[in-house]
Amino acid sequence: MLRTFLLILALCANAAIAADTAPTIMVFGDSLSAGYGLPQGAGWVNLLQQRLQQEKLDYKVVNASISGETTLGGKNRVAAALEQHHPAIVIVELGANDGLRGGSVATIRANLIAIVTACRQHGAQVLLVGMELPPNYGIDYVRKFRAIFASVAKSQQIPLVPFLLAGFADDPTQFQADGLHPVAGAQSRVLENVWKQLRPMLARETAAAG
């Protein structure tokens, strides 16, 4: 009996050590990643952790997203988040709140570059997530806002998810009553949009570690 108990303790200890040493993917975003209005554990970030486990990919996911976050807020807190979590990969999903407030395109771009730079200086790969605005913000601003993400990805030579909500953004049934945040049933579609770009990064990270 004692022998069995000690074996269980050893297995638990090994599992804890593996979890501590597994490389971290940090999601650094706003309410779209923080799970706003969703049941506990239903957000795409939670689904990402499940996907990694299903595919036997040894990563742990940390959600450092805050509802209402802007690129300026992200720039101001990214250093502390990097120091706390030491991520191997950072998924940057910011900019939507700046756009909804009509923020300066140049400022949004500069803030995103500052965040990417900080992540790289900390040794992390970066995946940038793009967003789009509804047409009522004016064709010119909508176009310029959309172009920010491709511009940053190109200048920083990092992979890009062109649009987090691609494939269902025009379907009101996939959104909560506010028309901005996807419902629980749409979170798997959000994950698929991210996964397409994230999966190749995991392969590169694993190869580098090997």
C-alpha atoms as a PDB file:
ATOM      1  CA  MET A   1       0.000   0.000   0.000  1.00  0.00           C
ATOM      2  CA  LEU A   2       2.776   2.382   0.959  1.00  0.00           C
ATOM      3  CA  ARG A   3       4.661   1.503  -2.194  1.00  0.00           C
ATOM      4  CA  THR A   4       1.617   2.351  -4.336  1.00  0.00           C
ATOM      5  CA  PHE A   5       1.161   5.636  -2.506  1.00  0.00           C
ATOM      6  CA  LEU A   6       4.790   6.605  -3.064  1.00  0.00           C
ATOM      7  CA  LEU A   7       4.497   5.722  -6.749  1.00  0.00           C
ATOM      8  CA  ILE A   8       1.467   7.997  -7.115  1.00  0.00           C
ATOM      9  CA  LEU A   9       3.357  10.815  -5.384  1.00  0.00           C
ATOM     10  CA  ALA A  10       6.280  10.353  -7.742  1.00  0.00           C
ATOM     11  CA  LEU A  11       4.047  10.441 -10.806  1.00  0.00           C
ATOM     12  CA  CYS A  12       2.354  13.617  -9.577  1.00  0.00           C
ATOM     13  CA  ALA A  13       5.723  15.220  -8.904  1.00  0.00           C
ATOM     14  CA  ASN A  14       6.941  14.329 -12.384  1.00  0.00           C
ATOM     15  CA  ALA A  15       3.785  15.789 -13.919  1.00  0.00           C
ATOM     16  CA  ALA A  16       4.273  19.008 -11.961  1.00  0.00           C
ATOM     17  CA  ILE A  17       7.896  19.254 -13.074  1.00  0.00           C
ATOM     18  CA  ALA A  18       6.869  18.687 -16.715  1.00  0.00           C
ATOM     19  CA  ALA A  19       4.245  21.423 -16.465  1.00  0.00           C
ATOM     20  CA  ASP A  20       6.795  23.829 -15.000  1.00  0.00           C
ATOM     21  CA  THR A  21       9.370  23.124 -17.706  1.00  0.00           C
ATOM     22  CA  ALA A  22       6.961  23.119 -20.670  1.00  0.00           C
ATOM     23  CA  PRO A  23       7.446  26.197 -22.871  1.00  0.00           C
ATOM     24  CA  THR A  24       4.775  28.846 -22.449  1.00  0.00           C
ATOM     25  CA  ILE A  25       2.485  30.391 -25.031  1.00  0.00           C
ATOM     26  CA  MET A  26       1.290  33.738 -23.711  1.00  0.00           C
ATOM     27  CA  VAL A  27      -1.863  35.236 -25.191  1.00  0.00           C
ATOM     28  CA  PHE A  28      -1.606  38.993 -24.818  1.00  0.00           C
ATOM     29  CA  GLY A  29      -4.898  40.519 -25.846  1.00  0.00           C
ATOM     30  CA  ASP A  30      -8.150  42.239 -24.986  1.00  0.00           C
ATOM     31  CA  SER A  31     -11.712  41.045 -24.256  1.00  0.00           C
ATOM     32  CA  LEU A  32     -11.798  38.923 -27.423  1.00  0.00           C
ATOM     33  CA  SER A  33      -9.143  36.739 -25.824  1.00  0.00           C
ATOM     34  CA  ALA A  34     -10.057  37.303 -22.160  1.00  0.00           C
ATOM     35  CA  GLY A  35     -13.354  35.436 -22.636  1.00  0.00           C
ATOM     36  CA  TYR A  36     -15.688  38.384 -22.107  1.00  0.00           C
ATOM     37  CA  GLY A  37     -19.307  37.289 -21.629  1.00  0.00           C
ATOM     38  CA  LEU A  38     -18.480  33.586 -21.938  1.00  0.00           C
ATOM     39  CA  PRO A  39     -18.910  30.692 -19.506  1.00  0.00           C
ATOM     40  CA  GLN A  40     -15.781  29.805 -17.569  1.00  0.00           C
ATOM     41  CA  GLY A  41     -13.358  27.898 -19.769  1.00  0.00           C
ATOM     42  CA  ALA A  42     -15.271  28.440 -23.022  1.00  0.00           C
ATOM     43  CA  GLY A  43     -12.962  30.987 -24.657  1.00  0.00           C
ATOM     44  CA  TRP A  44     -10.671  30.236 -27.567  1.00  0.00           C
ATOM     45  CA  VAL A  45      -7.611  30.475 -25.339  1.00  0.00           C
ATOM     46  CA  ASN A  46      -8.937  27.601 -23.222  1.00  0.00           C
ATOM     47  CA  LEU A  47      -9.679  25.675 -26.403  1.00  0.00           C
ATOM     48  CA  LEU A  48      -6.083  26.282 -27.481  1.00  0.00           C
ATOM     49  CA  GLN A  49      -4.776  24.533 -24.373  1.00  0.00           C
ATOM     50  CA  GLN A  50      -7.102  21.616 -25.083  1.00  0.00           C
ATOM     51  CA  ARG A  51      -5.907  21.432 -28.695  1.00  0.00           C
ATOM     52  CA  LEU A  52      -2.286  21.324 -27.601  1.00  0.00           C
ATOM     53  CA  GLN A  53      -3.046  18.471 -25.212  1.00  0.00           C
ATOM     54  CA  GLN A  54      -4.999  16.573 -27.868  1.00  0.00           C
ATOM     55  CA  GLU A  55      -2.096  16.839 -30.280  1.00  0.00           C
ATOM     56  CA  LYS A  56       0.395  15.943 -27.530  1.00  0.00           C
ATOM     57  CA  LEU A  57       2.264  19.216 -27.931  1.00  0.00           C
ATOM     58  CA  ASP A  58       4.068  20.047 -24.705  1.00  0.00           C
ATOM     59  CA  TYR A  59       3.129  23.669 -24.163  1.00  0.00           C
ATOM     60  CA  LYS A  60       1.264  25.484 -21.439  1.00  0.00           C
ATOM     61  CA  VAL A  61      -0.935  28.482 -22.215  1.00  0.00           C
ATOM     62  CA  VAL A  62      -1.056  31.633 -20.119  1.00  0.00           C
ATOM     63  CA  ASN A  63      -3.829  34.108 -20.778  1.00  0.00           C
ATOM     64  CA  ALA A  64      -2.498  37.605 -20.053  1.00  0.00           C
ATOM     65  CA  SER A  65      -5.447  39.312 -21.752  1.00  0.00           C
ATOM     66  CA  ILE A  66      -7.481  42.106 -20.177  1.00  0.00           C
ATOM     67  CA  SER A  67     -10.920  43.268 -21.282  1.00  0.00           C
ATOM     68  CA  GLY A  68     -10.803  46.827 -22.590  1.00  0.00           C
ATOM     69  CA  GLU A  69      -7.058  46.716 -23.228  1.00  0.00           C
ATOM     70  CA  THR A  70      -5.536  49.024 -25.836  1.00  0.00           C
ATOM     71  CA  THR A  71      -2.190  48.899 -27.592  1.00  0.00           C
ATOM     72  CA  LEU A  72      -0.943  51.622 -25.249  1.00  0.00           C
ATOM     73  CA  GLY A  73      -1.991  49.616 -22.211  1.00  0.00           C
ATOM     74  CA  GLY A  74      -0.336  46.571 -23.712  1.00  0.00           C
ATOM     75  CA  LYS A  75       2.874  48.475 -24.364  1.00  0.00           C
ATOM     76  CA  ASN A  76       2.926  49.674 -20.765  1.00  0.00           C
ATOM     77  CA  ARG A  77       2.463  46.232 -19.201  1.00  0.00           C
ATOM     78  CA  VAL A  78       4.198  43.880 -21.624  1.00  0.00           C
ATOM     79  CA  ALA A  79       7.562  43.997 -19.838  1.00  0.00           C
ATOM     80  CA  ALA A  80       6.033  42.842 -16.560  1.00  0.00           C
ATOM     81  CA  ALA A  81       4.067  40.083 -18.296  1.00  0.00           C
ATOM     82  CA  LEU A  82       7.182  38.826 -20.067  1.00  0.00           C
ATOM     83  CA  GLU A  83       9.180  38.856 -16.852  1.00  0.00           C
ATOM     84  CA  GLN A  84       6.460  36.959 -15.018  1.00  0.00           C
ATOM     85  CA  HIS A  85       5.714  34.257 -17.593  1.00  0.00           C
ATOM     86  CA  HIS A  86       8.898  33.936 -19.707  1.00  0.00           C
ATOM     87  CA  PRO A  87       6.969  32.849 -22.822  1.00  0.00           C
ATOM     88  CA  ALA A  88       8.483  31.086 -25.800  1.00  0.00           C
ATOM     89  CA  ILE A  89       5.678  32.404 -28.006  1.00  0.00           C
ATOM     90  CA  VAL A  90       3.475  35.484 -27.579  1.00  0.00           C
ATOM     91  CA  ILE A  91       0.183  35.849 -29.429  1.00  0.00           C
ATOM     92  CA  VAL A  92      -0.478  39.597 -29.624  1.00  0.00           C
ATOM     93  CA  GLU A  93      -4.185  40.333 -30.084  1.00  0.00           C
ATOM     94  CA  LEU A  94      -4.567  44.066 -29.530  1.00  0.00           C
ATOM     95  CA  GLY A  95      -5.830  47.055 -31.467  1.00  0.00           C
ATOM     96  CA  ALA A  96      -9.584  46.522 -31.646  1.00  0.00           C
ATOM     97  CA  ASN A  97     -10.331  48.921 -28.790  1.00  0.00           C
ATOM     98  CA  ASP A  98      -8.028  51.546 -30.298  1.00  0.00           C
ATOM     99  CA  GLY A  99      -9.908  51.265 -33.579  1.00  0.00           C
ATOM    100  CA  LEU A 100     -13.339  51.414 -31.972  1.00  0.00           C
ATOM    101  CA  ARG A 101     -12.236  54.663 -30.321  1.00  0.00           C
ATOM    102  CA  GLY A 102     -10.926  56.077 -33.586  1.00  0.00           C
ATOM    103  CA  GLY A 103      -7.325  56.032 -32.415  1.00  0.00           C
ATOM    104  CA  SER A 104      -4.435  57.303 -34.469  1.00  0.00           C
ATOM    105  CA  VAL A 105      -3.281  54.728 -37.009  1.00  0.00           C
ATOM    106  CA  ALA A 106       0.338  55.802 -36.589  1.00  0.00           C
ATOM    107  CA  THR A 107       0.119  55.477 -32.795  1.00  0.00           C
ATOM    108  CA  ILE A 108      -1.490  52.031 -32.940  1.00  0.00           C
ATOM    109  CA  ARG A 109       1.225  50.868 -35.297  1.00  0.00           C
ATOM    110  CA  ALA A 110       4.005  52.286 -33.110  1.00  0.00           C
ATOM    111  CA  ASN A 111       2.560  50.668 -29.989  1.00  0.00           C
ATOM    112  CA  LEU A 112       2.304  47.272 -31.674  1.00  0.00           C
ATOM    113  CA  ILE A 113       5.899  47.504 -32.870  1.00  0.00           C
ATOM    114  CA  ALA A 114       7.001  48.382 -29.329  1.00  0.00           C
ATOM    115  CA  ILE A 115       5.191  45.293 -27.992  1.00  0.00           C
ATOM    116  CA  VAL A 116       6.714  43.052 -30.653  1.00  0.00           C
ATOM    117  CA  THR A 117      10.166  44.470 -29.971  1.00  0.00           C
ATOM    118  CA  ALA A 118       9.846  43.849 -26.225  1.00  0.00           C
ATOM    119  CA  CYS A 119       8.778  40.250 -26.836  1.00  0.00           C
ATOM    120  CA  ARG A 120      11.701  39.622 -29.149  1.00  0.00           C
ATOM    121  CA  GLN A 121      14.166  41.157 -26.734  1.00  0.00           C
ATOM    122  CA  HIS A 122      12.877  38.661 -24.199  1.00  0.00           C
ATOM    123  CA  GLY A 123      13.585  35.814 -26.616  1.00  0.00           C
ATOM    124  CA  ALA A 124       9.978  35.098 -27.606  1.00  0.00           C
ATOM    125  CA  GLN A 125       8.539  34.432 -31.036  1.00  0.00           C
ATOM    126  CA  VAL A 126       5.548  36.639 -31.862  1.00  0.00           C
ATOM    127  CA  LEU A 127       2.313  35.901 -33.689  1.00  0.00           C
ATOM    128  CA  LEU A 128       0.361  39.058 -34.509  1.00  0.00           C
ATOM    129  CA  VAL A 129      -3.422  38.896 -34.769  1.00  0.00           C
ATOM    130  CA  GLY A 130      -5.192  41.282 -37.135  1.00  0.00           C
ATOM    131  CA  MET A 131      -8.565  42.935 -36.635  1.00  0.00           C
ATOM    132  CA  GLU A 132     -11.055  44.809 -38.790  1.00  0.00           C
ATOM    133  CA  LEU A 133     -13.660  47.471 -38.104  1.00  0.00           C
ATOM    134  CA  PRO A 134     -17.287  47.685 -39.244  1.00  0.00           C
ATOM    135  CA  PRO A 135     -17.892  49.902 -42.294  1.00  0.00           C
ATOM    136  CA  ASN A 136     -19.684  52.618 -40.311  1.00  0.00           C
ATOM    137  CA  TYR A 137     -16.264  53.892 -39.207  1.00  0.00           C
ATOM    138  CA  GLY A 138     -15.694  55.219 -42.707  1.00  0.00           C
ATOM    139  CA  ILE A 139     -14.061  53.517 -45.657  1.00  0.00           C
ATOM    140  CA  ASP A 140     -10.784  55.409 -45.371  1.00  0.00           C
ATOM    141  CA  TYR A 141     -10.240  54.743 -41.655  1.00  0.00           C
ATOM    142  CA  VAL A 142     -11.385  51.119 -41.940  1.00  0.00           C
ATOM    143  CA  ARG A 143      -8.905  50.524 -44.759  1.00  0.00           C
ATOM    144  CA  LYS A 144      -6.030  52.211 -42.938  1.00  0.00           C
ATOM    145  CA  PHE A 145      -6.807  50.351 -39.712  1.00  0.00           C
ATOM    146  CA  ARG A 146      -6.869  46.972 -41.477  1.00  0.00           C
ATOM    147  CA  ALA A 147      -3.514  47.730 -43.088  1.00  0.00           C
ATOM    148  CA  ILE A 148      -1.791  48.336 -39.733  1.00  0.00           C
ATOM    149  CA  PHE A 149      -1.435  44.665 -38.923  1.00  0.00           C
ATOM    150  CA  ALA A 150      -0.049  43.558 -42.280  1.00  0.00           C
ATOM    151  CA  SER A 151       2.360  46.501 -42.174  1.00  0.00           C
ATOM    152  CA  VAL A 152       3.650  45.616 -38.702  1.00  0.00           C
ATOM    153  CA  ALA A 153       3.937  41.922 -39.576  1.00  0.00           C
ATOM    154  CA  LYS A 154       5.884  42.716 -42.721  1.00  0.00           C
ATOM    155  CA  SER A 155       8.227  45.263 -41.144  1.00  0.00           C
ATOM    156  CA  GLN A 156       8.928  43.009 -38.148  1.00  0.00           C
ATOM    157  CA  GLN A 157       8.994  39.812 -40.220  1.00  0.00           C
ATOM    158  CA  ILE A 158       6.544  37.944 -37.999  1.00  0.00           C
ATOM    159  CA  PRO A 159       3.578  35.713 -38.882  1.00  0.00           C
ATOM    160  CA  LEU A 160       0.114  37.234 -39.029  1.00  0.00           C
ATOM    161  CA  VAL A 161      -3.425  36.033 -38.455  1.00  0.00           C
ATOM    162  CA  PRO A 162      -5.067  38.366 -41.006  1.00  0.00           C
ATOM    163  CA  PHE A 163      -8.393  38.645 -39.156  1.00  0.00           C
ATOM    164  CA  LEU A 164      -9.310  36.982 -35.855  1.00  0.00           C
ATOM    165  CA  LEU A 165     -12.994  36.752 -36.767  1.00  0.00           C
ATOM    166  CA  ALA A 166     -12.570  35.672 -40.379  1.00  0.00           C
ATOM    167  CA  GLY A 167     -15.315  33.472 -41.756  1.00  0.00           C
ATOM    168  CA  PHE A 168     -18.134  34.616 -39.486  1.00  0.00           C
ATOM    169  CA  ALA A 169     -17.752  38.348 -38.808  1.00  0.00           C
ATOM    170  CA  ASP A 170     -20.858  39.139 -40.878  1.00  0.00           C
ATOM    171  CA  ASP A 171     -23.076  36.562 -39.113  1.00  0.00           C
ATOM    172  CA  PRO A 172     -24.914  38.224 -36.191  1.00  0.00           C
ATOM    173  CA  THR A 173     -25.930  34.840 -34.765  1.00  0.00           C
ATOM    174  CA  GLN A 174     -22.268  34.210 -33.913  1.00  0.00           C
ATOM    175  CA  PHE A 175     -22.069  37.245 -31.628  1.00  0.00           C
ATOM    176  CA  GLN A 176     -23.308  38.244 -28.219  1.00  0.00           C
ATOM    177  CA  ALA A 177     -25.958  40.936 -27.827  1.00  0.00           C
ATOM    178  CA  ASP A 178     -23.325  43.689 -28.075  1.00  0.00           C
ATOM    179  CA  GLY A 179     -22.499  42.593 -31.620  1.00  0.00           C
ATOM    180  CA  LEU A 180     -18.765  42.676 -30.818  1.00  0.00           C
ATOM    181  CA  HIS A 181     -17.898  39.548 -28.879  1.00  0.00           C
ATOM    182  CA  PRO A 182     -18.315  36.057 -30.343  1.00  0.00           C
ATOM    183  CA  VAL A 183     -20.569  33.590 -28.543  1.00  0.00           C
ATOM    184  CA  ALA A 184     -19.233  30.383 -27.032  1.00  0.00           C
ATOM    185  CA  GLY A 185     -20.216  28.402 -30.121  1.00  0.00           C
ATOM    186  CA  ALA A 186     -17.973  30.586 -32.292  1.00  0.00           C
ATOM    187  CA  GLN A 187     -14.844  30.206 -30.187  1.00  0.00           C
ATOM    188  CA  SER A 188     -13.712  27.101 -32.061  1.00  0.00           C
ATOM    189  CA  ARG A 189     -13.787  29.139 -35.270  1.00  0.00           C
ATOM    190  CA  VAL A 190     -11.660  31.828 -33.633  1.00  0.00           C
ATOM    191  CA  LEU A 191      -9.190  29.158 -32.578  1.00  0.00           C
ATOM    192  CA  GLU A 192      -8.986  27.735 -36.098  1.00  0.00           C
ATOM    193  CA  ASN A 193      -8.063  31.172 -37.453  1.00  0.00           C
ATOM    194  CA  VAL A 194      -5.216  31.415 -34.932  1.00  0.00           C
ATOM    195  CA  TRP A 195      -4.154  27.771 -35.210  1.00  0.00           C
ATOM    196  CA  LYS A 196      -3.440  28.010 -38.941  1.00  0.00           C
ATOM    197  CA  GLN A 197      -0.584  30.401 -38.218  1.00  0.00           C
ATOM    198  CA  LEU A 198       0.417  29.127 -34.792  1.00  0.00           C
ATOM    199  CA  ARG A 199       0.914  25.451 -35.700  1.00  0.00           C
ATOM    200  CA  PRO A 200       3.954  26.055 -37.969  1.00  0.00           C
ATOM    201  CA  MET A 201       5.520  28.156 -35.205  1.00  0.00           C
ATOM    202  CA  LEU A 202       5.219  25.253 -32.774  1.00  0.00           C
ATOM    203  CA  ALA A 203       7.068  23.009 -35.195  1.00  0.00           C
ATOM    204  CA  ARG A 204       9.893  25.544 -35.502  1.00  0.00           C
ATOM    205  CA  GLU A 205      10.049  26.023 -31.731  1.00  0.00           C
ATOM    206  CA  THR A 206      10.223  22.267 -31.160  1.00  0.00           C
ATOM    207  CA  ALA A 207      12.951  21.875 -33.780  1.00  0.00           C
ATOM    208  CA  ALA A 208      14.994  24.695 -32.227  1.00  0.00           C
ATOM    209  CA  ALA A 209      14.666  23.175 -28.767  1.00  0.00           C
ATOM    210  CA  GLY A 210      15.753  19.797 -30.100  1.00  0.00           C
END
